[in-house]
Amino acid sequence: MTFYFIRRFLLIIPTFFGITLITFLILQIVPGGPLEMEIMKIRMGGQKGSESGSNSGSTQNIPQSAIDELKKFYGFDKPIHERYIIWVTHLLKFDLGRSYVYSEPVWDVIKSRFPVSIYFGLIGFILTYLVCVPLGVYKAVKNGSVFDFISSSLVFIGYSIPGFAFGALMLVLFGGGSFWSVFPLGGFRSDSWDDLSFSSKIWDQLRHTFLPVLAYMIGSFATLTILTKNTVIDNLGQDYIRTAFSKGISEKRVIFGHALRNSMIPIATGLGHFISLVLAGSFLIEKVFNINGMGLLGYTSIVQRDYPVVMGILVISTLLLLIGNILSDMIYAMVDPRIRFN
């Protein structure tokens, strides 16, 4: 099995370069890139250009020498394959490039967003397991009951609603707009954070956390809850459970001491994706709540055609996802001795 995981780690290399190559090519050939946006801004007299770049085709009012300088600045004076080789060469030196928008190294721009994304990702991940696992066990025990039917309906309704749409709805209802003013409209903390007392800071942070985390979690509820329920039901039908009941062991001890322990095996495999979930965030949820994390940075970078930042986020998220998949397999093999990756 050791050779299997060695092969998996080696496969990260071609997979990683395949993903980055395809994304790089798409970014380079789509219209409305940074060069076209800069030309359009110049033609508009320095005003901020349209994000769509729909008028990027005409350059008749700008000297060709200026256009050539702009192409050189953005690297568009070279063929695409040379641009990718240059980008990979810098990447191998741990250089993600320089942001077009922030005029700073990409790594400096990205790392400042890590704490916010880790905060929401970690809380959402922990709460999802704390809520969905007990709920799935209870649904398995009450399988076919009214509670099981109603909770399944609510879970799948929640699963069908995109997290960003649910977040926008919650802001309309509870963000002080047309209905109730219970939570702030967004952001990570209040502007008066430094002037608040310790207890007020805790309350302020909780108010800014509740709705975004709820939007993060809603999509994960159905998958984890139903997976827990089905695995518990499957284990409750096994011979060793019937043997335990025949010995007079209490139902509570059989469920939590035997069935649930074995049911946690497939659920534990999801822990491998923990590192990617913590940092991945959600582009649209962070946009809806104006949370200054990795998701919002990725969204604004795409809109502003800040390609170095887009590629930097892609590099980090791709590596975390690929490593998380291998960790998931490792956890699976560790918790279930029957699994052999040969």
C-alpha atoms as a PDB file:
ATOM      1  CA  MET A   1       0.000   0.000   0.000  1.00  0.00           C
ATOM      2  CA  THR A   2       3.006   2.241   0.481  1.00  0.00           C
ATOM      3  CA  PHE A   3       3.704   2.142  -3.262  1.00  0.00           C
ATOM      4  CA  TYR A   4       0.085   3.110  -3.939  1.00  0.00           C
ATOM      5  CA  PHE A   5       0.408   6.315  -1.952  1.00  0.00           C
ATOM      6  CA  ILE A   6       3.829   7.033  -3.477  1.00  0.00           C
ATOM      7  CA  ARG A   7       2.186   6.797  -6.916  1.00  0.00           C
ATOM      8  CA  ARG A   8      -0.651   9.047  -5.734  1.00  0.00           C
ATOM      9  CA  PHE A   9       1.807  11.690  -4.586  1.00  0.00           C
ATOM     10  CA  LEU A  10       3.727  11.436  -7.872  1.00  0.00           C
ATOM     11  CA  LEU A  11       0.487  11.817  -9.818  1.00  0.00           C
ATOM     12  CA  ILE A  12       0.006  15.197  -8.139  1.00  0.00           C
ATOM     13  CA  ILE A  13       2.686  16.612 -10.442  1.00  0.00           C
ATOM     14  CA  PRO A  14       1.060  15.948 -13.862  1.00  0.00           C
ATOM     15  CA  THR A  15      -2.424  16.602 -12.468  1.00  0.00           C
ATOM     16  CA  PHE A  16      -1.343  19.925 -11.031  1.00  0.00           C
ATOM     17  CA  PHE A  17       0.339  21.087 -14.228  1.00  0.00           C
ATOM     18  CA  GLY A  18      -2.600  19.872 -16.319  1.00  0.00           C
ATOM     19  CA  ILE A  19      -5.043  21.944 -14.263  1.00  0.00           C
ATOM     20  CA  THR A  20      -2.867  25.052 -14.247  1.00  0.00           C
ATOM     21  CA  LEU A  21      -2.123  24.757 -17.987  1.00  0.00           C
ATOM     22  CA  ILE A  22      -5.808  24.570 -18.942  1.00  0.00           C
ATOM     23  CA  THR A  23      -6.726  27.463 -16.652  1.00  0.00           C
ATOM     24  CA  PHE A  24      -3.786  29.545 -17.865  1.00  0.00           C
ATOM     25  CA  LEU A  25      -4.762  29.029 -21.514  1.00  0.00           C
ATOM     26  CA  ILE A  26      -8.377  29.973 -20.827  1.00  0.00           C
ATOM     27  CA  LEU A  27      -7.348  33.151 -19.015  1.00  0.00           C
ATOM     28  CA  GLN A  28      -5.028  34.145 -21.837  1.00  0.00           C
ATOM     29  CA  ILE A  29      -7.479  33.689 -24.713  1.00  0.00           C
ATOM     30  CA  VAL A  30     -10.733  35.000 -23.235  1.00  0.00           C
ATOM     31  CA  PRO A  31     -11.586  38.567 -24.347  1.00  0.00           C
ATOM     32  CA  GLY A  32     -11.610  41.507 -21.960  1.00  0.00           C
ATOM     33  CA  GLY A  33      -8.228  40.781 -20.380  1.00  0.00           C
ATOM     34  CA  PRO A  34      -6.065  43.254 -18.435  1.00  0.00           C
ATOM     35  CA  LEU A  35      -4.521  44.660 -21.638  1.00  0.00           C
ATOM     36  CA  GLU A  36      -7.879  45.415 -23.215  1.00  0.00           C
ATOM     37  CA  MET A  37      -9.182  46.925 -19.960  1.00  0.00           C
ATOM     38  CA  GLU A  38      -6.127  49.186 -19.652  1.00  0.00           C
ATOM     39  CA  ILE A  39      -6.484  50.343 -23.269  1.00  0.00           C
ATOM     40  CA  MET A  40     -10.146  51.075 -22.694  1.00  0.00           C
ATOM     41  CA  LYS A  41      -9.380  53.093 -19.549  1.00  0.00           C
ATOM     42  CA  ILE A  42      -6.821  55.161 -21.466  1.00  0.00           C
ATOM     43  CA  ARG A  43      -9.315  55.806 -24.241  1.00  0.00           C
ATOM     44  CA  MET A  44     -11.852  56.931 -21.648  1.00  0.00           C
ATOM     45  CA  GLY A  45      -9.459  59.555 -20.322  1.00  0.00           C
ATOM     46  CA  GLY A  46      -8.283  57.686 -17.249  1.00  0.00           C
ATOM     47  CA  GLN A  47     -11.731  56.877 -16.002  1.00  0.00           C
ATOM     48  CA  LYS A  48     -12.351  53.410 -14.667  1.00  0.00           C
ATOM     49  CA  GLY A  49     -13.385  51.211 -17.560  1.00  0.00           C
ATOM     50  CA  SER A  50     -16.208  48.845 -17.839  1.00  0.00           C
ATOM     51  CA  GLU A  51     -15.482  45.413 -16.341  1.00  0.00           C
ATOM     52  CA  SER A  52     -16.956  43.699 -19.317  1.00  0.00           C
ATOM     53  CA  GLY A  53     -14.346  44.970 -21.730  1.00  0.00           C
ATOM     54  CA  SER A  54     -16.893  45.010 -24.516  1.00  0.00           C
ATOM     55  CA  ASN A  55     -15.170  47.932 -26.349  1.00  0.00           C
ATOM     56  CA  SER A  56     -11.703  46.446 -26.236  1.00  0.00           C
ATOM     57  CA  GLY A  57     -11.366  45.875 -29.964  1.00  0.00           C
ATOM     58  CA  SER A  58     -10.492  49.445 -31.052  1.00  0.00           C
ATOM     59  CA  THR A  59      -7.104  51.007 -30.245  1.00  0.00           C
ATOM     60  CA  GLN A  60      -7.024  53.710 -32.918  1.00  0.00           C
ATOM     61  CA  ASN A  61      -6.598  56.629 -30.492  1.00  0.00           C
ATOM     62  CA  ILE A  62      -3.545  55.191 -28.766  1.00  0.00           C
ATOM     63  CA  PRO A  63      -0.042  55.208 -30.287  1.00  0.00           C
ATOM     64  CA  GLN A  64       1.221  51.791 -31.263  1.00  0.00           C
ATOM     65  CA  SER A  65       4.338  52.342 -29.159  1.00  0.00           C
ATOM     66  CA  ALA A  66       2.154  52.755 -26.051  1.00  0.00           C
ATOM     67  CA  ILE A  67       0.253  49.601 -26.871  1.00  0.00           C
ATOM     68  CA  ASP A  68       3.532  47.713 -27.313  1.00  0.00           C
ATOM     69  CA  GLU A  69       4.694  48.941 -23.910  1.00  0.00           C
ATOM     70  CA  LEU A  70       1.456  47.756 -22.346  1.00  0.00           C
ATOM     71  CA  LYS A  71       1.840  44.344 -24.007  1.00  0.00           C
ATOM     72  CA  LYS A  72       5.361  44.094 -22.647  1.00  0.00           C
ATOM     73  CA  PHE A  73       4.219  45.094 -19.157  1.00  0.00           C
ATOM     74  CA  TYR A  74       1.508  42.411 -19.047  1.00  0.00           C
ATOM     75  CA  GLY A  75       3.675  39.848 -20.854  1.00  0.00           C
ATOM     76  CA  PHE A  76       1.422  39.643 -23.912  1.00  0.00           C
ATOM     77  CA  ASP A  77       4.336  40.367 -26.247  1.00  0.00           C
ATOM     78  CA  LYS A  78       5.276  36.680 -26.038  1.00  0.00           C
ATOM     79  CA  PRO A  79       3.466  33.564 -27.320  1.00  0.00           C
ATOM     80  CA  ILE A  80       1.160  31.801 -24.851  1.00  0.00           C
ATOM     81  CA  HIS A  81       3.424  28.784 -24.390  1.00  0.00           C
ATOM     82  CA  GLU A  82       6.353  31.053 -23.482  1.00  0.00           C
ATOM     83  CA  ARG A  83       4.172  32.896 -20.974  1.00  0.00           C
ATOM     84  CA  TYR A  84       3.216  29.615 -19.317  1.00  0.00           C
ATOM     85  CA  ILE A  85       6.836  28.440 -19.173  1.00  0.00           C
ATOM     86  CA  ILE A  86       7.833  31.753 -17.584  1.00  0.00           C
ATOM     87  CA  TRP A  87       4.985  31.455 -15.067  1.00  0.00           C
ATOM     88  CA  VAL A  88       5.978  27.871 -14.166  1.00  0.00           C
ATOM     89  CA  THR A  89       9.641  28.878 -13.861  1.00  0.00           C
ATOM     90  CA  HIS A  90       8.718  31.579 -11.345  1.00  0.00           C
ATOM     91  CA  LEU A  91       6.368  29.177  -9.549  1.00  0.00           C
ATOM     92  CA  LEU A  92       9.184  26.657  -9.059  1.00  0.00           C
ATOM     93  CA  LYS A  93      11.063  29.490  -7.334  1.00  0.00           C
ATOM     94  CA  PHE A  94       7.996  30.009  -5.053  1.00  0.00           C
ATOM     95  CA  ASP A  95       7.215  33.260  -6.850  1.00  0.00           C
ATOM     96  CA  LEU A  96       3.507  33.646  -7.668  1.00  0.00           C
ATOM     97  CA  GLY A  97       4.072  36.899  -9.507  1.00  0.00           C
ATOM     98  CA  ARG A  98       2.855  40.426  -8.837  1.00  0.00           C
ATOM     99  CA  SER A  99      -0.762  41.564  -8.655  1.00  0.00           C
ATOM    100  CA  TYR A 100      -1.899  43.920 -11.424  1.00  0.00           C
ATOM    101  CA  VAL A 101      -4.418  45.596  -9.090  1.00  0.00           C
ATOM    102  CA  TYR A 102      -2.628  45.756  -5.739  1.00  0.00           C
ATOM    103  CA  SER A 103       0.923  46.197  -7.139  1.00  0.00           C
ATOM    104  CA  GLU A 104       2.143  43.774  -4.491  1.00  0.00           C
ATOM    105  CA  PRO A 105       3.499  40.225  -4.592  1.00  0.00           C
ATOM    106  CA  VAL A 106       0.599  37.797  -5.022  1.00  0.00           C
ATOM    107  CA  TRP A 107       1.590  35.815  -1.942  1.00  0.00           C
ATOM    108  CA  ASP A 108       1.399  38.971   0.229  1.00  0.00           C
ATOM    109  CA  VAL A 109      -2.081  39.705  -1.138  1.00  0.00           C
ATOM    110  CA  ILE A 110      -3.325  36.150  -0.551  1.00  0.00           C
ATOM    111  CA  LYS A 111      -1.829  35.476   2.882  1.00  0.00           C
ATOM    112  CA  SER A 112      -3.584  38.495   4.393  1.00  0.00           C
ATOM    113  CA  ARG A 113      -6.914  36.777   3.599  1.00  0.00           C
ATOM    114  CA  PHE A 114      -6.014  33.437   5.214  1.00  0.00           C
ATOM    115  CA  PRO A 115      -7.150  34.212   8.798  1.00  0.00           C
ATOM    116  CA  VAL A 116     -10.665  35.216   7.726  1.00  0.00           C
ATOM    117  CA  SER A 117     -11.152  32.173   5.492  1.00  0.00           C
ATOM    118  CA  ILE A 118      -9.737  29.818   8.134  1.00  0.00           C
ATOM    119  CA  TYR A 119     -12.076  31.332  10.742  1.00  0.00           C
ATOM    120  CA  PHE A 120     -15.264  30.735   8.748  1.00  0.00           C
ATOM    121  CA  GLY A 121     -14.096  27.450   7.211  1.00  0.00           C
ATOM    122  CA  LEU A 122     -13.072  25.937  10.539  1.00  0.00           C
ATOM    123  CA  ILE A 123     -16.280  26.952  12.344  1.00  0.00           C
ATOM    124  CA  GLY A 124     -18.461  25.736   9.469  1.00  0.00           C
ATOM    125  CA  PHE A 125     -16.635  22.401   9.263  1.00  0.00           C
ATOM    126  CA  ILE A 126     -16.849  21.696  13.014  1.00  0.00           C
ATOM    127  CA  LEU A 127     -20.502  22.746  13.324  1.00  0.00           C
ATOM    128  CA  THR A 128     -21.468  20.625  10.308  1.00  0.00           C
ATOM    129  CA  TYR A 129     -20.113  17.483  11.959  1.00  0.00           C
ATOM    130  CA  LEU A 130     -21.521  18.402  15.389  1.00  0.00           C
ATOM    131  CA  VAL A 131     -25.029  18.866  13.977  1.00  0.00           C
ATOM    132  CA  CYS A 132     -25.260  16.389  11.100  1.00  0.00           C
ATOM    133  CA  VAL A 133     -23.801  13.276  12.774  1.00  0.00           C
ATOM    134  CA  PRO A 134     -26.204  13.279  15.767  1.00  0.00           C
ATOM    135  CA  LEU A 135     -29.076  14.197  13.443  1.00  0.00           C
ATOM    136  CA  GLY A 136     -28.210  11.342  11.090  1.00  0.00           C
ATOM    137  CA  VAL A 137     -28.039   8.851  13.967  1.00  0.00           C
ATOM    138  CA  TYR A 138     -31.396   9.998  15.334  1.00  0.00           C
ATOM    139  CA  LYS A 139     -32.969   9.788  11.877  1.00  0.00           C
ATOM    140  CA  ALA A 140     -31.636   6.225  11.534  1.00  0.00           C
ATOM    141  CA  VAL A 141     -33.162   5.228  14.855  1.00  0.00           C
ATOM    142  CA  LYS A 142     -36.461   6.918  13.912  1.00  0.00           C
ATOM    143  CA  ASN A 143     -36.343   5.720  10.308  1.00  0.00           C
ATOM    144  CA  GLY A 144     -39.786   5.940   8.673  1.00  0.00           C
ATOM    145  CA  SER A 145     -41.238   8.127  11.418  1.00  0.00           C
ATOM    146  CA  VAL A 146     -42.873  11.530  10.998  1.00  0.00           C
ATOM    147  CA  PHE A 147     -39.708  13.172  12.330  1.00  0.00           C
ATOM    148  CA  ASP A 148     -37.620  11.343   9.708  1.00  0.00           C
ATOM    149  CA  PHE A 149     -39.922  12.470   6.897  1.00  0.00           C
ATOM    150  CA  ILE A 150     -40.119  16.105   7.998  1.00  0.00           C
ATOM    151  CA  SER A 151     -36.387  16.419   8.705  1.00  0.00           C
ATOM    152  CA  SER A 152     -35.490  14.772   5.364  1.00  0.00           C
ATOM    153  CA  SER A 153     -37.786  17.217   3.559  1.00  0.00           C
ATOM    154  CA  LEU A 154     -36.178  20.192   5.287  1.00  0.00           C
ATOM    155  CA  VAL A 155     -32.661  18.871   4.672  1.00  0.00           C
ATOM    156  CA  PHE A 156     -33.232  18.392   0.942  1.00  0.00           C
ATOM    157  CA  ILE A 157     -34.986  21.747   0.601  1.00  0.00           C
ATOM    158  CA  GLY A 158     -31.920  23.322   2.201  1.00  0.00           C
ATOM    159  CA  TYR A 159     -29.637  21.320  -0.103  1.00  0.00           C
ATOM    160  CA  SER A 160     -31.481  22.596  -3.166  1.00  0.00           C
ATOM    161  CA  ILE A 161     -30.905  26.244  -2.198  1.00  0.00           C
ATOM    162  CA  PRO A 162     -27.471  27.669  -3.138  1.00  0.00           C
ATOM    163  CA  GLY A 163     -25.588  28.979  -0.138  1.00  0.00           C
ATOM    164  CA  PHE A 164     -25.200  32.482  -1.580  1.00  0.00           C
ATOM    165  CA  ALA A 165     -28.951  32.707  -2.349  1.00  0.00           C
ATOM    166  CA  PHE A 166     -29.795  31.541   1.163  1.00  0.00           C
ATOM    167  CA  GLY A 167     -27.362  34.105   2.578  1.00  0.00           C
ATOM    168  CA  ALA A 168     -28.928  36.896   0.531  1.00  0.00           C
ATOM    169  CA  LEU A 169     -32.393  35.859   1.752  1.00  0.00           C
ATOM    170  CA  MET A 170     -31.212  35.870   5.372  1.00  0.00           C
ATOM    171  CA  LEU A 171     -29.758  39.355   4.921  1.00  0.00           C
ATOM    172  CA  VAL A 172     -33.058  40.614   3.557  1.00  0.00           C
ATOM    173  CA  LEU A 173     -34.990  39.093   6.469  1.00  0.00           C
ATOM    174  CA  PHE A 174     -32.588  39.725   9.365  1.00  0.00           C
ATOM    175  CA  GLY A 175     -30.117  42.337   8.116  1.00  0.00           C
ATOM    176  CA  GLY A 176     -32.103  45.418   9.014  1.00  0.00           C
ATOM    177  CA  GLY A 177     -33.589  45.999   5.576  1.00  0.00           C
ATOM    178  CA  SER A 178     -37.321  45.580   5.100  1.00  0.00           C
ATOM    179  CA  PHE A 179     -37.882  43.244   8.047  1.00  0.00           C
ATOM    180  CA  TRP A 180     -35.905  42.591  11.241  1.00  0.00           C
ATOM    181  CA  SER A 181     -32.596  44.182  12.273  1.00  0.00           C
ATOM    182  CA  VAL A 182     -31.007  41.263  14.103  1.00  0.00           C
ATOM    183  CA  PHE A 183     -27.676  40.817  12.318  1.00  0.00           C
ATOM    184  CA  PRO A 184     -25.277  43.229  10.561  1.00  0.00           C
ATOM    185  CA  LEU A 185     -25.391  43.517   6.791  1.00  0.00           C
ATOM    186  CA  GLY A 186     -21.991  41.908   6.396  1.00  0.00           C
ATOM    187  CA  GLY A 187     -18.310  42.287   7.049  1.00  0.00           C
ATOM    188  CA  PHE A 188     -16.044  40.461   9.446  1.00  0.00           C
ATOM    189  CA  ARG A 189     -16.309  42.924  12.347  1.00  0.00           C
ATOM    190  CA  SER A 190     -17.845  46.312  13.122  1.00  0.00           C
ATOM    191  CA  ASP A 191     -15.931  49.477  12.312  1.00  0.00           C
ATOM    192  CA  SER A 192     -15.949  50.369  16.028  1.00  0.00           C
ATOM    193  CA  TRP A 193     -14.286  47.058  16.958  1.00  0.00           C
ATOM    194  CA  ASP A 194     -11.255  48.656  18.650  1.00  0.00           C
ATOM    195  CA  ASP A 195     -13.474  50.727  20.961  1.00  0.00           C
ATOM    196  CA  LEU A 196     -15.616  47.814  22.162  1.00  0.00           C
ATOM    197  CA  SER A 197     -15.244  46.061  25.495  1.00  0.00           C
ATOM    198  CA  PHE A 198     -14.191  42.405  25.619  1.00  0.00           C
ATOM    199  CA  SER A 199     -17.737  41.079  26.014  1.00  0.00           C
ATOM    200  CA  SER A 200     -18.990  43.438  23.305  1.00  0.00           C
ATOM    201  CA  LYS A 201     -16.288  42.179  20.940  1.00  0.00           C
ATOM    202  CA  ILE A 202     -17.437  38.580  21.477  1.00  0.00           C
ATOM    203  CA  TRP A 203     -21.053  39.541  20.830  1.00  0.00           C
ATOM    204  CA  ASP A 204     -20.085  41.584  17.780  1.00  0.00           C
ATOM    205  CA  GLN A 205     -18.044  38.713  16.342  1.00  0.00           C
ATOM    206  CA  LEU A 206     -20.886  36.241  16.923  1.00  0.00           C
ATOM    207  CA  ARG A 207     -23.359  38.517  15.129  1.00  0.00           C
ATOM    208  CA  HIS A 208     -21.029  38.804  12.141  1.00  0.00           C
ATOM    209  CA  THR A 209     -20.429  35.044  12.126  1.00  0.00           C
ATOM    210  CA  PHE A 210     -23.889  33.499  12.439  1.00  0.00           C
ATOM    211  CA  LEU A 211     -25.418  34.121   8.999  1.00  0.00           C
ATOM    212  CA  PRO A 212     -22.258  33.496   6.886  1.00  0.00           C
ATOM    213  CA  VAL A 213     -21.574  30.206   8.684  1.00  0.00           C
ATOM    214  CA  LEU A 214     -25.205  29.197   8.252  1.00  0.00           C
ATOM    215  CA  ALA A 215     -24.889  29.857   4.507  1.00  0.00           C
ATOM    216  CA  TYR A 216     -21.619  27.890   4.398  1.00  0.00           C
ATOM    217  CA  MET A 217     -23.192  24.889   6.146  1.00  0.00           C
ATOM    218  CA  ILE A 218     -26.519  24.582   4.376  1.00  0.00           C
ATOM    219  CA  GLY A 219     -25.113  22.750   1.350  1.00  0.00           C
ATOM    220  CA  SER A 220     -23.288  20.186   3.496  1.00  0.00           C
ATOM    221  CA  PHE A 221     -26.262  19.257   5.642  1.00  0.00           C
ATOM    222  CA  ALA A 222     -27.918  16.817   3.235  1.00  0.00           C
ATOM    223  CA  THR A 223     -24.779  14.915   2.233  1.00  0.00           C
ATOM    224  CA  LEU A 224     -23.398  14.306   5.717  1.00  0.00           C
ATOM    225  CA  THR A 225     -26.771  13.738   7.401  1.00  0.00           C
ATOM    226  CA  ILE A 226     -27.999  11.192   4.857  1.00  0.00           C
ATOM    227  CA  LEU A 227     -24.595   9.471   4.737  1.00  0.00           C
ATOM    228  CA  THR A 228     -24.655   9.098   8.524  1.00  0.00           C
ATOM    229  CA  LYS A 229     -28.233   7.857   8.518  1.00  0.00           C
ATOM    230  CA  ASN A 230     -27.664   5.259   5.787  1.00  0.00           C
ATOM    231  CA  THR A 231     -24.445   3.882   7.267  1.00  0.00           C
ATOM    232  CA  VAL A 232     -26.029   3.564  10.726  1.00  0.00           C
ATOM    233  CA  ILE A 233     -29.077   1.805   9.248  1.00  0.00           C
ATOM    234  CA  ASP A 234     -26.775  -0.527   7.319  1.00  0.00           C
ATOM    235  CA  ASN A 235     -24.848  -1.424  10.469  1.00  0.00           C
ATOM    236  CA  LEU A 236     -28.003  -1.888  12.539  1.00  0.00           C
ATOM    237  CA  GLY A 237     -28.952  -4.728  10.172  1.00  0.00           C
ATOM    238  CA  GLN A 238     -25.663  -6.612  10.652  1.00  0.00           C
ATOM    239  CA  ASP A 239     -25.370  -9.912  12.525  1.00  0.00           C
ATOM    240  CA  TYR A 240     -23.117  -8.498  15.228  1.00  0.00           C
ATOM    241  CA  ILE A 241     -25.825  -5.976  16.158  1.00  0.00           C
ATOM    242  CA  ARG A 242     -28.448  -8.715  16.457  1.00  0.00           C
ATOM    243  CA  THR A 243     -25.977 -10.701  18.563  1.00  0.00           C
ATOM    244  CA  ALA A 244     -25.467  -7.708  20.820  1.00  0.00           C
ATOM    245  CA  PHE A 245     -29.232  -7.312  21.286  1.00  0.00           C
ATOM    246  CA  SER A 246     -29.598 -11.055  21.996  1.00  0.00           C
ATOM    247  CA  LYS A 247     -27.079 -10.686  24.822  1.00  0.00           C
ATOM    248  CA  GLY A 248     -29.390  -8.182  26.475  1.00  0.00           C
ATOM    249  CA  ILE A 249     -27.231  -5.127  25.831  1.00  0.00           C
ATOM    250  CA  SER A 250     -29.223  -1.894  25.971  1.00  0.00           C
ATOM    251  CA  GLU A 251     -30.274  -0.203  22.748  1.00  0.00           C
ATOM    252  CA  LYS A 252     -28.336   2.953  23.599  1.00  0.00           C
ATOM    253  CA  ARG A 253     -25.118   0.996  24.126  1.00  0.00           C
ATOM    254  CA  VAL A 254     -25.601  -1.039  20.942  1.00  0.00           C
ATOM    255  CA  ILE A 255     -26.187   2.072  18.840  1.00  0.00           C
ATOM    256  CA  PHE A 256     -23.471   4.307  20.255  1.00  0.00           C
ATOM    257  CA  GLY A 257     -20.992   1.592  21.246  1.00  0.00           C
ATOM    258  CA  HIS A 258     -21.201  -0.644  18.195  1.00  0.00           C
ATOM    259  CA  ALA A 259     -23.242   0.652  15.240  1.00  0.00           C
ATOM    260  CA  LEU A 260     -22.097   4.275  15.394  1.00  0.00           C
ATOM    261  CA  ARG A 261     -18.426   3.357  15.802  1.00  0.00           C
ATOM    262  CA  ASN A 262     -18.442   1.330  12.588  1.00  0.00           C
ATOM    263  CA  SER A 263     -20.618   3.896  10.837  1.00  0.00           C
ATOM    264  CA  MET A 264     -17.986   6.577  11.375  1.00  0.00           C
ATOM    265  CA  ILE A 265     -15.618   4.883   8.886  1.00  0.00           C
ATOM    266  CA  PRO A 266     -17.018   6.467   5.681  1.00  0.00           C
ATOM    267  CA  ILE A 267     -17.730   9.712   7.535  1.00  0.00           C
ATOM    268  CA  ALA A 268     -14.104   9.925   8.687  1.00  0.00           C
ATOM    269  CA  THR A 269     -12.889   9.942   5.094  1.00  0.00           C
ATOM    270  CA  GLY A 270     -14.311  13.446   4.741  1.00  0.00           C
ATOM    271  CA  LEU A 271     -11.755  14.668   7.260  1.00  0.00           C
ATOM    272  CA  GLY A 272      -9.127  14.459   4.521  1.00  0.00           C
ATOM    273  CA  HIS A 273     -10.801  17.325   2.722  1.00  0.00           C
ATOM    274  CA  PHE A 274     -10.597  19.452   5.840  1.00  0.00           C
ATOM    275  CA  ILE A 275      -7.533  21.413   4.726  1.00  0.00           C
ATOM    276  CA  SER A 276      -9.120  22.361   1.414  1.00  0.00           C
ATOM    277  CA  LEU A 277     -12.505  23.250   2.932  1.00  0.00           C
ATOM    278  CA  VAL A 278     -10.925  25.552   5.489  1.00  0.00           C
ATOM    279  CA  LEU A 279      -9.289  27.757   2.861  1.00  0.00           C
ATOM    280  CA  ALA A 280     -11.520  27.287  -0.152  1.00  0.00           C
ATOM    281  CA  GLY A 281     -14.397  29.342   1.162  1.00  0.00           C
ATOM    282  CA  SER A 282     -17.161  30.324  -1.209  1.00  0.00           C
ATOM    283  CA  PHE A 283     -16.746  33.070  -3.758  1.00  0.00           C
ATOM    284  CA  LEU A 284     -20.377  34.140  -3.837  1.00  0.00           C
ATOM    285  CA  ILE A 285     -21.080  33.760  -0.100  1.00  0.00           C
ATOM    286  CA  GLU A 286     -18.145  36.021   0.768  1.00  0.00           C
ATOM    287  CA  LYS A 287     -19.348  38.436  -1.909  1.00  0.00           C
ATOM    288  CA  VAL A 288     -22.879  38.489  -0.451  1.00  0.00           C
ATOM    289  CA  PHE A 289     -21.645  39.103   3.100  1.00  0.00           C
ATOM    290  CA  ASN A 290     -18.707  41.308   2.035  1.00  0.00           C
ATOM    291  CA  ILE A 291     -16.254  39.077   3.900  1.00  0.00           C
ATOM    292  CA  ASN A 292     -12.688  39.952   3.017  1.00  0.00           C
ATOM    293  CA  GLY A 293     -11.452  36.373   2.612  1.00  0.00           C
ATOM    294  CA  MET A 294     -10.044  34.149  -0.108  1.00  0.00           C
ATOM    295  CA  GLY A 295     -13.439  33.773  -1.789  1.00  0.00           C
ATOM    296  CA  LEU A 296     -14.031  37.501  -2.191  1.00  0.00           C
ATOM    297  CA  LEU A 297     -10.440  37.992  -3.326  1.00  0.00           C
ATOM    298  CA  GLY A 298     -10.899  35.321  -5.985  1.00  0.00           C
ATOM    299  CA  TYR A 299     -14.176  36.849  -7.155  1.00  0.00           C
ATOM    300  CA  THR A 300     -12.824  40.398  -7.426  1.00  0.00           C
ATOM    301  CA  SER A 301      -9.630  39.151  -9.078  1.00  0.00           C
ATOM    302  CA  ILE A 302     -11.633  37.451 -11.819  1.00  0.00           C
ATOM    303  CA  VAL A 303     -13.805  40.530 -12.341  1.00  0.00           C
ATOM    304  CA  GLN A 304     -10.777  42.846 -12.432  1.00  0.00           C
ATOM    305  CA  ARG A 305      -8.792  40.405 -14.622  1.00  0.00           C
ATOM    306  CA  ASP A 306      -6.032  40.224 -12.025  1.00  0.00           C
ATOM    307  CA  TYR A 307      -4.665  37.020 -13.532  1.00  0.00           C
ATOM    308  CA  PRO A 308      -1.598  36.576 -11.259  1.00  0.00           C
ATOM    309  CA  VAL A 309      -3.869  36.515  -8.180  1.00  0.00           C
ATOM    310  CA  VAL A 310      -6.336  34.169  -9.907  1.00  0.00           C
ATOM    311  CA  MET A 311      -3.515  31.746 -10.731  1.00  0.00           C
ATOM    312  CA  GLY A 312      -2.088  32.089  -7.212  1.00  0.00           C
ATOM    313  CA  ILE A 313      -5.413  31.121  -5.626  1.00  0.00           C
ATOM    314  CA  LEU A 314      -5.728  28.276  -8.138  1.00  0.00           C
ATOM    315  CA  VAL A 315      -2.274  26.941  -7.200  1.00  0.00           C
ATOM    316  CA  ILE A 316      -3.062  26.909  -3.476  1.00  0.00           C
ATOM    317  CA  SER A 317      -6.582  25.477  -3.774  1.00  0.00           C
ATOM    318  CA  THR A 318      -5.477  22.789  -6.281  1.00  0.00           C
ATOM    319  CA  LEU A 319      -2.619  21.577  -4.099  1.00  0.00           C
ATOM    320  CA  LEU A 320      -4.856  21.506  -1.009  1.00  0.00           C
ATOM    321  CA  LEU A 321      -7.531  19.547  -2.876  1.00  0.00           C
ATOM    322  CA  LEU A 322      -5.085  16.984  -4.310  1.00  0.00           C
ATOM    323  CA  ILE A 323      -3.353  16.457  -0.957  1.00  0.00           C
ATOM    324  CA  GLY A 324      -6.730  16.336   0.814  1.00  0.00           C
ATOM    325  CA  ASN A 325      -7.867  13.492  -1.472  1.00  0.00           C
ATOM    326  CA  ILE A 326      -4.782  11.451  -0.568  1.00  0.00           C
ATOM    327  CA  LEU A 327      -5.247  12.163   3.142  1.00  0.00           C
ATOM    328  CA  SER A 328      -8.831  10.993   2.801  1.00  0.00           C
ATOM    329  CA  ASP A 329      -7.638   7.649   1.394  1.00  0.00           C
ATOM    330  CA  MET A 330      -5.055   7.357   4.168  1.00  0.00           C
ATOM    331  CA  ILE A 331      -7.686   7.925   6.853  1.00  0.00           C
ATOM    332  CA  TYR A 332      -9.944   5.367   5.195  1.00  0.00           C
ATOM    333  CA  ALA A 333      -7.164   2.771   5.206  1.00  0.00           C
ATOM    334  CA  MET A 334      -6.271   3.510   8.818  1.00  0.00           C
ATOM    335  CA  VAL A 335      -9.793   3.282  10.265  1.00  0.00           C
ATOM    336  CA  ASP A 336     -10.871   0.235   8.223  1.00  0.00           C
ATOM    337  CA  PRO A 337      -8.335  -2.659   8.163  1.00  0.00           C
ATOM    338  CA  ARG A 338     -10.320  -4.317   5.345  1.00  0.00           C
ATOM    339  CA  ILE A 339      -9.304  -1.585   2.883  1.00  0.00           C
ATOM    340  CA  ARG A 340      -6.289  -2.364   0.730  1.00  0.00           C
ATOM    341  CA  PHE A 341      -5.120  -0.037  -2.057  1.00  0.00           C
ATOM    342  CA  ASN A 342      -3.193  -2.451  -4.258  1.00  0.00           C
END
